[in-house]
Amino acid sequence: MPAPWLSVAAQEIGVAQYPAGQSNPRITEYHAGTNIRGYDDKASWCSSFVNWCLAQAGIAGTGSALARSWLEWGRPLDQPVPGCIVVLYRDDPDSWKGHVGFYLRSDEHQVYLLGGNQLGQVREQGYPLASVLGYRWPEAGEAGP
């Protein structure tokens, strides 16, 4: 598999936020490699999940819990490949808000990601193709398409 972190992510499918008053320690573990170390599962965790998956594959991520931090990481791809990192905007393309996950596939309307904090869990989820800000891959020399 060209993206070893994708199999790491797939093994986490089903990890979910706990109800109010509780916190899933696995999600706290995802945050440990980011600038929100120690936060619970109520903090946005999509970027923490991507950082954690890459770290398990021996690749340094952004170290940031901000989804849009991935727009400056690695190298851009003109076309997505399975396992590449997809950065999406939320609400407004010019806002700071976003979402990030691993590319699985797309059709004419949707991009399908495997990621964390997708409906509160690690799962596959579709997003509007128009919300994609970029596709990223680790720098040359690391696993590459």
C-alpha atoms as a PDB file:
ATOM      1  CA  MET A   1       0.000   0.000   0.000  1.00  0.00           C
ATOM      2  CA  PRO A   2       1.561   3.331  -1.016  1.00  0.00           C
ATOM      3  CA  ALA A   3       0.199   5.191   2.040  1.00  0.00           C
ATOM      4  CA  PRO A   4       1.041   3.160   5.165  1.00  0.00           C
ATOM      5  CA  TRP A   5      -0.786   5.671   7.381  1.00  0.00           C
ATOM      6  CA  LEU A   6      -4.062   4.781   5.661  1.00  0.00           C
ATOM      7  CA  SER A   7      -3.995   1.274   7.134  1.00  0.00           C
ATOM      8  CA  VAL A   8      -3.236   2.819  10.545  1.00  0.00           C
ATOM      9  CA  ALA A   9      -6.294   5.056  10.147  1.00  0.00           C
ATOM     10  CA  ALA A  10      -8.469   2.131   9.050  1.00  0.00           C
ATOM     11  CA  GLN A  11      -7.605   0.247  12.244  1.00  0.00           C
ATOM     12  CA  GLU A  12      -9.073   3.143  14.235  1.00  0.00           C
ATOM     13  CA  ILE A  13     -12.516   3.033  12.569  1.00  0.00           C
ATOM     14  CA  GLY A  14     -15.174   3.185  15.256  1.00  0.00           C
ATOM     15  CA  VAL A  15     -13.204   5.214  17.801  1.00  0.00           C
ATOM     16  CA  ALA A  16     -15.805   7.740  18.954  1.00  0.00           C
ATOM     17  CA  GLN A  17     -16.384  10.638  21.298  1.00  0.00           C
ATOM     18  CA  TYR A  18     -17.905   9.755  24.640  1.00  0.00           C
ATOM     19  CA  PRO A  19     -21.043  11.447  26.005  1.00  0.00           C
ATOM     20  CA  ALA A  20     -20.845  14.737  27.907  1.00  0.00           C
ATOM     21  CA  GLY A  21     -19.001  14.353  31.196  1.00  0.00           C
ATOM     22  CA  GLN A  22     -16.750  11.594  29.826  1.00  0.00           C
ATOM     23  CA  SER A  23     -13.841  11.542  27.397  1.00  0.00           C
ATOM     24  CA  ASN A  24     -12.392   8.824  25.193  1.00  0.00           C
ATOM     25  CA  PRO A  25      -8.732   8.412  26.222  1.00  0.00           C
ATOM     26  CA  ARG A  26      -7.828   7.327  22.675  1.00  0.00           C
ATOM     27  CA  ILE A  27      -8.835  10.735  21.323  1.00  0.00           C
ATOM     28  CA  THR A  28      -6.817  12.418  24.086  1.00  0.00           C
ATOM     29  CA  GLU A  29      -3.918  10.306  22.803  1.00  0.00           C
ATOM     30  CA  TYR A  30      -4.461  11.712  19.280  1.00  0.00           C
ATOM     31  CA  HIS A  31      -4.106  15.233  20.726  1.00  0.00           C
ATOM     32  CA  ALA A  32      -0.812  14.341  22.450  1.00  0.00           C
ATOM     33  CA  GLY A  33       1.243  15.057  19.322  1.00  0.00           C
ATOM     34  CA  THR A  34      -0.301  18.488  18.754  1.00  0.00           C
ATOM     35  CA  ASN A  35      -0.458  21.957  20.250  1.00  0.00           C
ATOM     36  CA  ILE A  36      -3.576  20.944  22.235  1.00  0.00           C
ATOM     37  CA  ARG A  37      -1.923  18.104  24.140  1.00  0.00           C
ATOM     38  CA  GLY A  38      -4.070  17.058  27.113  1.00  0.00           C
ATOM     39  CA  TYR A  39      -7.377  18.225  25.636  1.00  0.00           C
ATOM     40  CA  ASP A  40     -10.317  15.836  25.772  1.00  0.00           C
ATOM     41  CA  ASP A  41     -12.539  14.493  23.004  1.00  0.00           C
ATOM     42  CA  LYS A  42     -14.738  17.610  23.036  1.00  0.00           C
ATOM     43  CA  ALA A  43     -12.017  19.625  21.232  1.00  0.00           C
ATOM     44  CA  SER A  44     -11.972  19.323  17.444  1.00  0.00           C
ATOM     45  CA  TRP A  45      -9.771  16.349  16.686  1.00  0.00           C
ATOM     46  CA  CYS A  46      -9.628  15.773  12.916  1.00  0.00           C
ATOM     47  CA  SER A  47      -6.126  17.248  12.589  1.00  0.00           C
ATOM     48  CA  SER A  48      -4.929  15.519  15.763  1.00  0.00           C
ATOM     49  CA  PHE A  49      -6.057  12.221  14.239  1.00  0.00           C
ATOM     50  CA  VAL A  50      -4.159  12.864  10.981  1.00  0.00           C
ATOM     51  CA  ASN A  51      -1.027  13.838  12.942  1.00  0.00           C
ATOM     52  CA  TRP A  52      -1.320  10.676  15.055  1.00  0.00           C
ATOM     53  CA  CYS A  53      -1.775   8.357  12.054  1.00  0.00           C
ATOM     54  CA  LEU A  54       1.235   9.810  10.266  1.00  0.00           C
ATOM     55  CA  ALA A  55       3.340   9.542  13.432  1.00  0.00           C
ATOM     56  CA  GLN A  56       2.486   5.834  13.664  1.00  0.00           C
ATOM     57  CA  ALA A  57       3.941   5.496  10.150  1.00  0.00           C
ATOM     58  CA  GLY A  58       7.079   7.438  11.119  1.00  0.00           C
ATOM     59  CA  ILE A  59       6.157  10.660   9.335  1.00  0.00           C
ATOM     60  CA  ALA A  60       6.095  14.059  11.036  1.00  0.00           C
ATOM     61  CA  GLY A  61       2.850  15.974  10.662  1.00  0.00           C
ATOM     62  CA  THR A  62       2.119  19.614  11.372  1.00  0.00           C
ATOM     63  CA  GLY A  63       1.948  19.290  15.156  1.00  0.00           C
ATOM     64  CA  SER A  64      -1.128  21.512  14.981  1.00  0.00           C
ATOM     65  CA  ALA A  65      -4.751  20.763  15.775  1.00  0.00           C
ATOM     66  CA  LEU A  66      -5.795  23.318  13.152  1.00  0.00           C
ATOM     67  CA  ALA A  67      -7.075  21.565  10.011  1.00  0.00           C
ATOM     68  CA  ARG A  68      -5.813  24.280   7.686  1.00  0.00           C
ATOM     69  CA  SER A  69      -2.252  23.851   8.996  1.00  0.00           C
ATOM     70  CA  TRP A  70      -2.024  20.992   6.481  1.00  0.00           C
ATOM     71  CA  LEU A  71      -2.189  23.457   3.572  1.00  0.00           C
ATOM     72  CA  GLU A  72       1.468  24.343   4.319  1.00  0.00           C
ATOM     73  CA  TRP A  73       2.645  20.764   4.983  1.00  0.00           C
ATOM     74  CA  GLY A  74       4.343  18.396   2.555  1.00  0.00           C
ATOM     75  CA  ARG A  75       3.841  19.022  -1.110  1.00  0.00           C
ATOM     76  CA  PRO A  76       0.699  19.827  -3.062  1.00  0.00           C
ATOM     77  CA  LEU A  77      -0.859  17.341  -5.459  1.00  0.00           C
ATOM     78  CA  ASP A  78      -2.736  18.402  -8.576  1.00  0.00           C
ATOM     79  CA  GLN A  79      -4.869  15.268  -8.408  1.00  0.00           C
ATOM     80  CA  PRO A  80      -5.729  13.222  -5.331  1.00  0.00           C
ATOM     81  CA  VAL A  81      -4.327   9.754  -4.733  1.00  0.00           C
ATOM     82  CA  PRO A  82      -5.549   7.246  -2.135  1.00  0.00           C
ATOM     83  CA  GLY A  83      -4.255   8.224   1.295  1.00  0.00           C
ATOM     84  CA  CYS A  84      -3.351  11.796   0.468  1.00  0.00           C
ATOM     85  CA  ILE A  85      -4.370  14.432   2.954  1.00  0.00           C
ATOM     86  CA  VAL A  86      -7.402  16.460   1.922  1.00  0.00           C
ATOM     87  CA  VAL A  87      -7.994  19.896   3.425  1.00  0.00           C
ATOM     88  CA  LEU A  88     -11.545  21.249   3.310  1.00  0.00           C
ATOM     89  CA  TYR A  89     -13.062  24.546   4.317  1.00  0.00           C
ATOM     90  CA  ARG A  90     -16.015  24.830   6.664  1.00  0.00           C
ATOM     91  CA  ASP A  91     -18.566  27.643   6.536  1.00  0.00           C
ATOM     92  CA  ASP A  92     -16.512  29.991   4.350  1.00  0.00           C
ATOM     93  CA  PRO A  93     -13.435  29.426   2.151  1.00  0.00           C
ATOM     94  CA  ASP A  94     -11.785  32.506   3.698  1.00  0.00           C
ATOM     95  CA  SER A  95     -12.383  31.582   7.344  1.00  0.00           C
ATOM     96  CA  TRP A  96      -9.897  29.747   9.562  1.00  0.00           C
ATOM     97  CA  LYS A  97     -12.282  26.809   9.946  1.00  0.00           C
ATOM     98  CA  GLY A  98     -11.661  23.565   8.155  1.00  0.00           C
ATOM     99  CA  HIS A  99     -11.571  19.815   8.196  1.00  0.00           C
ATOM    100  CA  VAL A 100      -8.874  17.326   7.237  1.00  0.00           C
ATOM    101  CA  GLY A 101      -8.815  13.626   6.473  1.00  0.00           C
ATOM    102  CA  PHE A 102      -7.391  10.953   4.187  1.00  0.00           C
ATOM    103  CA  TYR A 103      -8.602  10.643   0.607  1.00  0.00           C
ATOM    104  CA  LEU A 104     -10.415   7.433  -0.323  1.00  0.00           C
ATOM    105  CA  ARG A 105     -12.216   8.339  -3.552  1.00  0.00           C
ATOM    106  CA  SER A 106     -14.424  10.950  -5.164  1.00  0.00           C
ATOM    107  CA  ASP A 107     -17.267  11.258  -7.633  1.00  0.00           C
ATOM    108  CA  GLU A 108     -18.640  14.252  -9.479  1.00  0.00           C
ATOM    109  CA  HIS A 109     -20.143  15.763  -6.290  1.00  0.00           C
ATOM    110  CA  GLN A 110     -18.388  14.330  -3.251  1.00  0.00           C
ATOM    111  CA  VAL A 111     -14.963  13.568  -1.885  1.00  0.00           C
ATOM    112  CA  TYR A 112     -14.893  10.617   0.517  1.00  0.00           C
ATOM    113  CA  LEU A 113     -12.499  10.783   3.434  1.00  0.00           C
ATOM    114  CA  LEU A 114     -11.391   8.443   6.178  1.00  0.00           C
ATOM    115  CA  GLY A 115     -10.841  10.679   9.147  1.00  0.00           C
ATOM    116  CA  GLY A 116     -11.391  11.520  12.754  1.00  0.00           C
ATOM    117  CA  ASN A 117     -14.184  13.672  14.141  1.00  0.00           C
ATOM    118  CA  GLN A 118     -16.445  12.733  11.251  1.00  0.00           C
ATOM    119  CA  LEU A 119     -19.884  12.629  12.857  1.00  0.00           C
ATOM    120  CA  GLY A 120     -18.042  12.265  16.174  1.00  0.00           C
ATOM    121  CA  GLN A 121     -15.997   9.230  15.240  1.00  0.00           C
ATOM    122  CA  VAL A 122     -13.314   7.747  13.002  1.00  0.00           C
ATOM    123  CA  ARG A 123     -15.201   6.752   9.886  1.00  0.00           C
ATOM    124  CA  GLU A 124     -15.648   7.258   6.180  1.00  0.00           C
ATOM    125  CA  GLN A 125     -17.654  10.346   5.291  1.00  0.00           C
ATOM    126  CA  GLY A 126     -18.498  12.242   2.104  1.00  0.00           C
ATOM    127  CA  TYR A 127     -18.064  16.010   1.753  1.00  0.00           C
ATOM    128  CA  PRO A 128     -18.886  18.405  -1.081  1.00  0.00           C
ATOM    129  CA  LEU A 129     -16.124  18.316  -3.695  1.00  0.00           C
ATOM    130  CA  ALA A 130     -16.390  22.109  -3.927  1.00  0.00           C
ATOM    131  CA  SER A 131     -15.151  22.421  -0.309  1.00  0.00           C
ATOM    132  CA  VAL A 132     -11.685  21.004  -1.104  1.00  0.00           C
ATOM    133  CA  LEU A 133      -8.885  23.521  -0.548  1.00  0.00           C
ATOM    134  CA  GLY A 134      -6.014  21.186  -1.354  1.00  0.00           C
ATOM    135  CA  TYR A 135      -4.496  17.738  -1.561  1.00  0.00           C
ATOM    136  CA  ARG A 136      -1.166  17.164   0.216  1.00  0.00           C
ATOM    137  CA  TRP A 137       1.461  14.442   0.334  1.00  0.00           C
ATOM    138  CA  PRO A 138       4.642  14.053   2.412  1.00  0.00           C
ATOM    139  CA  GLU A 139       7.778  15.600   0.996  1.00  0.00           C
ATOM    140  CA  ALA A 140       9.788  13.609  -1.564  1.00  0.00           C
ATOM    141  CA  GLY A 141      11.827  10.847   0.031  1.00  0.00           C
ATOM    142  CA  GLU A 142       8.935   9.664   2.189  1.00  0.00           C
ATOM    143  CA  ALA A 143       6.290   7.247   0.884  1.00  0.00           C
ATOM    144  CA  GLY A 144       5.095   8.774  -2.360  1.00  0.00           C
ATOM    145  CA  PRO A 145       2.756   8.326  -5.262  1.00  0.00           C
END
